[in-house]
Amino acid sequence: MKSIKPGRGPSGISFIGSVIACVFGVIWIVAAVGMGAPWFFPLFGVCFVGLGIVQAVYNYRNATGENRYSSFDIVEDGEEPDPLMPHAGGTPARPAEESGFCPWCGAPVAAGHKYCRRCGKEL
């Protein structure tokens, strides 16, 4: 499996944007409470602050940490099944005889079976 990771520069910029979102959320809360707004208006600011903190921690760790989070994982056929294949109605990439896995749900398939035990589709 290969991974694609975000760069340190974009993560650093996103960290700064997250801090700005937190400051905006605090200003929103103070202004809403000061104006006597209904209870859900300050709550909107709390959501901004909460999401900003989570994003700031995530982006700070990506910008400064030794092991960054992966944005995308690239997997080979058979390493990991596609969870949407049975619902999408797509055609399988490789037959079960070649890969040893059901092309629809990714379950292991014994040689010679005509149907998948997990999803019931014909192989």
N, C-alpha and C. Protein backbone atom coordinates (compact mmCIF):
# COMPACT_ATOMS: atom_id res chain seq x y z
N MET A 1 0.85 -1.17 0.00
CA MET A 1 0.00 0.00 0.00
C MET A 1 0.89 1.23 0.00
N LYS A 2 0.53 2.18 -0.80
CA LYS A 2 1.21 3.47 -0.87
C LYS A 2 0.30 4.53 -0.28
N SER A 3 0.90 5.61 0.22
CA SER A 3 0.12 6.70 0.82
C SER A 3 0.50 8.02 0.18
N ILE A 4 -0.48 8.90 0.07
CA ILE A 4 -0.25 10.27 -0.38
C ILE A 4 -0.50 11.16 0.83
N LYS A 5 0.50 11.93 1.19
CA LYS A 5 0.40 12.75 2.39
C LYS A 5 0.45 14.23 2.02
N PRO A 6 -0.29 15.07 2.75
CA PRO A 6 -0.25 16.50 2.46
C PRO A 6 1.11 17.09 2.82
N GLY A 7 1.49 18.13 2.12
CA GLY A 7 2.77 18.78 2.38
C GLY A 7 2.75 19.57 3.67
N ARG A 8 3.94 19.87 4.15
CA ARG A 8 4.05 20.62 5.41
C ARG A 8 3.62 22.08 5.23
N GLY A 9 3.88 22.65 4.06
CA GLY A 9 3.48 24.04 3.80
C GLY A 9 1.97 24.22 3.82
N PRO A 10 1.23 23.42 3.03
CA PRO A 10 -0.23 23.56 3.07
C PRO A 10 -0.82 23.27 4.45
N SER A 11 -0.22 22.32 5.18
CA SER A 11 -0.72 22.04 6.53
C SER A 11 -0.47 23.22 7.46
N GLY A 12 0.67 23.89 7.29
CA GLY A 12 0.96 25.07 8.11
C GLY A 12 0.00 26.21 7.83
N ILE A 13 -0.30 26.43 6.56
CA ILE A 13 -1.26 27.48 6.19
C ILE A 13 -2.65 27.13 6.72
N SER A 14 -3.03 25.86 6.64
CA SER A 14 -4.33 25.44 7.16
C SER A 14 -4.40 25.60 8.67
N PHE A 15 -3.28 25.41 9.36
CA PHE A 15 -3.24 25.64 10.80
C PHE A 15 -3.54 27.10 11.11
N ILE A 16 -2.93 28.00 10.35
CA ILE A 16 -3.18 29.44 10.57
C ILE A 16 -4.64 29.77 10.30
N GLY A 17 -5.22 29.19 9.24
CA GLY A 17 -6.64 29.40 8.96
C GLY A 17 -7.54 28.88 10.07
N SER A 18 -7.14 27.76 10.68
CA SER A 18 -7.93 27.20 11.78
C SER A 18 -7.90 28.11 13.01
N VAL A 19 -6.74 28.69 13.27
CA VAL A 19 -6.64 29.63 14.40
C VAL A 19 -7.51 30.86 14.14
N ILE A 20 -7.53 31.33 12.90
CA ILE A 20 -8.38 32.47 12.55
C ILE A 20 -9.85 32.11 12.73
N ALA A 21 -10.24 30.88 12.36
CA ALA A 21 -11.63 30.44 12.56
C ALA A 21 -11.99 30.40 14.04
N CYS A 22 -11.04 29.99 14.90
CA CYS A 22 -11.29 29.98 16.35
C CYS A 22 -11.49 31.40 16.87
N VAL A 23 -10.65 32.33 16.42
CA VAL A 23 -10.78 33.73 16.85
C VAL A 23 -12.14 34.29 16.39
N PHE A 24 -12.53 33.99 15.15
CA PHE A 24 -13.83 34.43 14.64
C PHE A 24 -14.95 33.86 15.50
N GLY A 25 -14.84 32.58 15.89
CA GLY A 25 -15.86 31.96 16.73
C GLY A 25 -15.99 32.64 18.08
N VAL A 26 -14.86 32.99 18.68
CA VAL A 26 -14.90 33.68 19.98
C VAL A 26 -15.54 35.07 19.83
N ILE A 27 -15.17 35.80 18.77
CA ILE A 27 -15.78 37.12 18.53
C ILE A 27 -17.28 36.96 18.31
N TRP A 28 -17.69 35.94 17.57
CA TRP A 28 -19.12 35.68 17.32
C TRP A 28 -19.85 35.43 18.64
N ILE A 29 -19.27 34.61 19.51
CA ILE A 29 -19.92 34.29 20.79
C ILE A 29 -20.08 35.55 21.63
N VAL A 30 -19.01 36.33 21.75
CA VAL A 30 -19.06 37.56 22.57
C VAL A 30 -20.09 38.53 22.00
N ALA A 31 -20.12 38.69 20.68
CA ALA A 31 -21.07 39.63 20.07
C ALA A 31 -22.52 39.14 20.25
N ALA A 32 -22.74 37.83 20.07
CA ALA A 32 -24.10 37.30 20.19
C ALA A 32 -24.62 37.41 21.62
N VAL A 33 -23.77 37.10 22.58
CA VAL A 33 -24.19 37.21 23.98
C VAL A 33 -24.40 38.68 24.35
N GLY A 34 -23.53 39.55 23.86
CA GLY A 34 -23.64 40.99 24.15
C GLY A 34 -24.90 41.61 23.60
N MET A 35 -25.39 41.09 22.47
CA MET A 35 -26.61 41.63 21.86
C MET A 35 -27.87 41.00 22.43
N GLY A 36 -27.70 39.98 23.25
CA GLY A 36 -28.87 39.30 23.80
C GLY A 36 -29.57 38.41 22.78
N ALA A 37 -28.81 37.82 21.88
CA ALA A 37 -29.37 36.94 20.84
C ALA A 37 -29.89 35.65 21.48
N PRO A 38 -30.80 34.96 20.79
CA PRO A 38 -31.28 33.67 21.31
C PRO A 38 -30.12 32.69 21.51
N TRP A 39 -30.34 31.66 22.30
CA TRP A 39 -29.29 30.73 22.73
C TRP A 39 -28.56 30.04 21.59
N PHE A 40 -29.20 29.83 20.45
CA PHE A 40 -28.54 29.07 19.39
C PHE A 40 -27.53 29.91 18.61
N PHE A 41 -27.59 31.23 18.70
CA PHE A 41 -26.59 32.06 18.02
C PHE A 41 -25.21 31.93 18.65
N PRO A 42 -25.07 31.99 19.98
CA PRO A 42 -23.74 31.73 20.57
C PRO A 42 -23.28 30.29 20.34
N LEU A 43 -24.23 29.37 20.25
CA LEU A 43 -23.88 27.97 20.01
C LEU A 43 -23.22 27.79 18.64
N PHE A 44 -23.62 28.60 17.68
CA PHE A 44 -22.99 28.58 16.36
C PHE A 44 -21.51 28.93 16.49
N GLY A 45 -21.19 29.91 17.32
CA GLY A 45 -19.80 30.28 17.56
C GLY A 45 -19.02 29.17 18.26
N VAL A 46 -19.68 28.46 19.17
CA VAL A 46 -19.04 27.33 19.84
C VAL A 46 -18.67 26.25 18.83
N CYS A 47 -19.53 26.02 17.85
CA CYS A 47 -19.23 25.05 16.78
C CYS A 47 -17.99 25.49 16.00
N PHE A 48 -17.90 26.79 15.68
CA PHE A 48 -16.73 27.30 14.97
C PHE A 48 -15.46 27.07 15.78
N VAL A 49 -15.52 27.35 17.06
CA VAL A 49 -14.34 27.19 17.91
C VAL A 49 -13.96 25.71 18.01
N GLY A 50 -14.95 24.85 18.21
CA GLY A 50 -14.67 23.41 18.33
C GLY A 50 -14.05 22.84 17.07
N LEU A 51 -14.65 23.14 15.92
CA LEU A 51 -14.11 22.65 14.66
C LEU A 51 -12.73 23.27 14.37
N GLY A 52 -12.56 24.53 14.73
CA GLY A 52 -11.27 25.18 14.54
C GLY A 52 -10.17 24.53 15.36
N ILE A 53 -10.49 24.14 16.59
CA ILE A 53 -9.49 23.49 17.45
C ILE A 53 -9.09 22.13 16.88
N VAL A 54 -10.09 21.35 16.45
CA VAL A 54 -9.80 20.04 15.87
C VAL A 54 -8.94 20.18 14.62
N GLN A 55 -9.30 21.10 13.74
CA GLN A 55 -8.53 21.33 12.53
C GLN A 55 -7.13 21.85 12.84
N ALA A 56 -7.02 22.72 13.83
CA ALA A 56 -5.71 23.27 14.20
C ALA A 56 -4.78 22.17 14.70
N VAL A 57 -5.29 21.28 15.54
CA VAL A 57 -4.46 20.19 16.06
C VAL A 57 -4.04 19.27 14.92
N TYR A 58 -4.98 18.90 14.06
CA TYR A 58 -4.68 18.01 12.93
C TYR A 58 -3.62 18.62 12.02
N ASN A 59 -3.81 19.87 11.63
CA ASN A 59 -2.87 20.51 10.71
C ASN A 59 -1.53 20.82 11.36
N TYR A 60 -1.52 21.13 12.64
CA TYR A 60 -0.25 21.37 13.33
C TYR A 60 0.57 20.10 13.37
N ARG A 61 -0.07 18.97 13.66
CA ARG A 61 0.65 17.69 13.69
C ARG A 61 1.16 17.32 12.30
N ASN A 62 0.39 17.62 11.26
CA ASN A 62 0.85 17.34 9.91
C ASN A 62 2.00 18.26 9.52
N ALA A 63 1.98 19.49 9.99
CA ALA A 63 3.03 20.44 9.61
C ALA A 63 4.33 20.19 10.36
N THR A 64 4.26 19.73 11.60
CA THR A 64 5.47 19.63 12.41
C THR A 64 5.85 18.21 12.78
N GLY A 65 4.94 17.26 12.66
CA GLY A 65 5.21 15.90 13.11
C GLY A 65 6.10 15.11 12.17
N GLU A 66 6.72 14.08 12.74
CA GLU A 66 7.57 13.21 11.93
C GLU A 66 6.73 12.31 11.02
N ASN A 67 5.66 11.75 11.55
CA ASN A 67 4.76 10.89 10.78
C ASN A 67 3.46 11.63 10.51
N ARG A 68 3.28 12.05 9.26
CA ARG A 68 2.08 12.80 8.90
C ARG A 68 0.92 11.86 8.62
N TYR A 69 -0.29 12.40 8.70
CA TYR A 69 -1.48 11.63 8.36
C TYR A 69 -1.55 11.46 6.85
N SER A 70 -2.14 10.37 6.43
CA SER A 70 -2.28 10.08 5.02
C SER A 70 -3.59 10.65 4.50
N SER A 71 -3.54 11.35 3.36
CA SER A 71 -4.76 11.86 2.73
C SER A 71 -5.45 10.78 1.92
N PHE A 72 -4.65 10.00 1.20
CA PHE A 72 -5.17 8.93 0.36
C PHE A 72 -4.27 7.71 0.50
N ASP A 73 -4.86 6.53 0.48
CA ASP A 73 -4.11 5.29 0.46
C ASP A 73 -4.35 4.62 -0.88
N ILE A 74 -3.27 4.22 -1.53
CA ILE A 74 -3.37 3.54 -2.81
C ILE A 74 -3.12 2.06 -2.54
N VAL A 75 -4.10 1.23 -2.87
CA VAL A 75 -3.99 -0.21 -2.60
C VAL A 75 -4.04 -0.99 -3.91
N GLU A 76 -3.39 -2.14 -3.91
CA GLU A 76 -3.41 -3.03 -5.06
C GLU A 76 -4.70 -3.85 -5.03
N ASP A 77 -5.05 -4.46 -6.16
CA ASP A 77 -6.21 -5.35 -6.21
C ASP A 77 -6.03 -6.47 -5.19
N GLY A 78 -7.08 -6.74 -4.44
CA GLY A 78 -7.04 -7.83 -3.47
C GLY A 78 -6.55 -7.44 -2.10
N GLU A 79 -5.88 -6.28 -1.95
CA GLU A 79 -5.42 -5.85 -0.63
C GLU A 79 -6.59 -5.42 0.24
N GLU A 80 -7.51 -4.72 -0.37
CA GLU A 80 -8.64 -4.18 0.37
C GLU A 80 -9.83 -4.10 -0.58
N PRO A 81 -10.98 -4.63 -0.17
CA PRO A 81 -12.13 -4.61 -1.09
C PRO A 81 -12.73 -3.22 -1.21
N ASP A 82 -13.39 -2.98 -2.33
CA ASP A 82 -14.12 -1.74 -2.52
C ASP A 82 -15.48 -1.89 -1.87
N PRO A 83 -15.79 -1.13 -0.81
CA PRO A 83 -17.04 -1.33 -0.09
C PRO A 83 -18.28 -0.94 -0.90
N LEU A 84 -18.12 -0.15 -1.94
CA LEU A 84 -19.28 0.28 -2.72
C LEU A 84 -19.52 -0.57 -3.96
N MET A 85 -18.64 -1.51 -4.26
CA MET A 85 -18.78 -2.30 -5.48
C MET A 85 -20.12 -3.05 -5.56
N PRO A 86 -20.60 -3.70 -4.49
CA PRO A 86 -21.88 -4.39 -4.61
C PRO A 86 -23.06 -3.45 -4.88
N HIS A 87 -22.96 -2.22 -4.41
CA HIS A 87 -24.08 -1.28 -4.55
C HIS A 87 -24.01 -0.46 -5.83
N ALA A 88 -22.81 -0.34 -6.39
CA ALA A 88 -22.64 0.51 -7.57
C ALA A 88 -23.03 -0.19 -8.86
N GLY A 89 -23.09 -1.51 -8.83
CA GLY A 89 -23.46 -2.24 -10.04
C GLY A 89 -22.37 -2.24 -11.08
N GLY A 90 -21.13 -1.96 -10.66
CA GLY A 90 -20.02 -1.93 -11.59
C GLY A 90 -19.56 -3.33 -11.96
N THR A 91 -18.68 -3.40 -12.91
CA THR A 91 -18.14 -4.69 -13.30
C THR A 91 -16.85 -4.94 -12.54
N PRO A 92 -16.59 -6.19 -12.18
CA PRO A 92 -15.38 -6.48 -11.41
C PRO A 92 -14.13 -6.27 -12.25
N ALA A 93 -13.06 -5.89 -11.57
CA ALA A 93 -11.79 -5.63 -12.27
C ALA A 93 -11.11 -6.93 -12.66
N ARG A 94 -11.11 -7.91 -11.76
CA ARG A 94 -10.46 -9.19 -12.03
C ARG A 94 -11.36 -10.32 -11.56
N PRO A 95 -11.39 -11.42 -12.27
CA PRO A 95 -12.21 -12.55 -11.82
C PRO A 95 -11.69 -13.14 -10.51
N ALA A 96 -12.57 -13.81 -9.78
CA ALA A 96 -12.21 -14.38 -8.49
C ALA A 96 -11.14 -15.45 -8.62
N GLU A 97 -11.08 -16.14 -9.74
CA GLU A 97 -10.09 -17.20 -9.92
C GLU A 97 -8.67 -16.63 -9.88
N GLU A 98 -8.49 -15.43 -10.40
CA GLU A 98 -7.16 -14.82 -10.45
C GLU A 98 -6.75 -14.23 -9.10
N SER A 99 -7.67 -13.57 -8.42
CA SER A 99 -7.31 -12.84 -7.22
C SER A 99 -7.53 -13.62 -5.93
N GLY A 100 -8.47 -14.60 -5.92
CA GLY A 100 -8.79 -15.31 -4.70
C GLY A 100 -9.79 -14.57 -3.83
N PHE A 101 -10.34 -13.47 -4.35
CA PHE A 101 -11.31 -12.66 -3.62
C PHE A 101 -12.54 -12.43 -4.49
N CYS A 102 -13.69 -12.25 -3.84
CA CYS A 102 -14.91 -11.92 -4.57
C CYS A 102 -14.74 -10.54 -5.21
N PRO A 103 -14.98 -10.40 -6.51
CA PRO A 103 -14.80 -9.09 -7.14
C PRO A 103 -15.87 -8.10 -6.74
N TRP A 104 -16.94 -8.54 -6.08
CA TRP A 104 -18.03 -7.63 -5.71
C TRP A 104 -17.90 -7.11 -4.30
N CYS A 105 -17.54 -7.99 -3.35
CA CYS A 105 -17.47 -7.54 -1.96
C CYS A 105 -16.10 -7.70 -1.34
N GLY A 106 -15.19 -8.40 -2.01
CA GLY A 106 -13.83 -8.54 -1.52
C GLY A 106 -13.62 -9.68 -0.55
N ALA A 107 -14.64 -10.49 -0.30
CA ALA A 107 -14.49 -11.61 0.63
C ALA A 107 -13.60 -12.68 0.01
N PRO A 108 -12.82 -13.40 0.83
CA PRO A 108 -12.02 -14.50 0.28
C PRO A 108 -12.92 -15.57 -0.30
N VAL A 109 -12.52 -16.14 -1.44
CA VAL A 109 -13.32 -17.14 -2.13
C VAL A 109 -12.45 -18.38 -2.33
N ALA A 110 -12.99 -19.54 -1.95
CA ALA A 110 -12.28 -20.79 -2.17
C ALA A 110 -12.34 -21.16 -3.66
N ALA A 111 -11.32 -21.83 -4.13
CA ALA A 111 -11.25 -22.20 -5.54
C ALA A 111 -12.41 -23.12 -5.90
N GLY A 112 -13.01 -22.88 -7.05
CA GLY A 112 -14.08 -23.73 -7.56
C GLY A 112 -15.48 -23.32 -7.15
N HIS A 113 -15.64 -22.36 -6.27
CA HIS A 113 -16.99 -21.93 -5.88
C HIS A 113 -17.59 -21.05 -6.96
N LYS A 114 -18.91 -21.17 -7.16
CA LYS A 114 -19.59 -20.37 -8.18
C LYS A 114 -20.23 -19.12 -7.60
N TYR A 115 -20.50 -19.12 -6.28
CA TYR A 115 -21.16 -17.99 -5.63
C TYR A 115 -20.36 -17.56 -4.41
N CYS A 116 -20.40 -16.27 -4.12
CA CYS A 116 -19.74 -15.73 -2.93
C CYS A 116 -20.58 -16.04 -1.70
N ARG A 117 -19.92 -16.45 -0.64
CA ARG A 117 -20.66 -16.76 0.60
C ARG A 117 -21.18 -15.49 1.28
N ARG A 118 -20.46 -14.38 1.15
CA ARG A 118 -20.86 -13.15 1.84
C ARG A 118 -21.98 -12.42 1.10
N CYS A 119 -21.78 -12.12 -0.18
CA CYS A 119 -22.77 -11.30 -0.89
C CYS A 119 -23.73 -12.12 -1.75
N GLY A 120 -23.40 -13.39 -2.04
CA GLY A 120 -24.30 -14.25 -2.80
C GLY A 120 -24.27 -14.04 -4.29
N LYS A 121 -23.40 -13.16 -4.78
CA LYS A 121 -23.34 -12.91 -6.23
C LYS A 121 -22.57 -14.02 -6.92
N GLU A 122 -22.90 -14.23 -8.19
CA GLU A 122 -22.22 -15.23 -8.99
C GLU A 122 -20.82 -14.73 -9.35
N LEU A 123 -19.85 -15.62 -9.27
CA LEU A 123 -18.46 -15.24 -9.53
C LEU A 123 -18.13 -15.40 -11.00
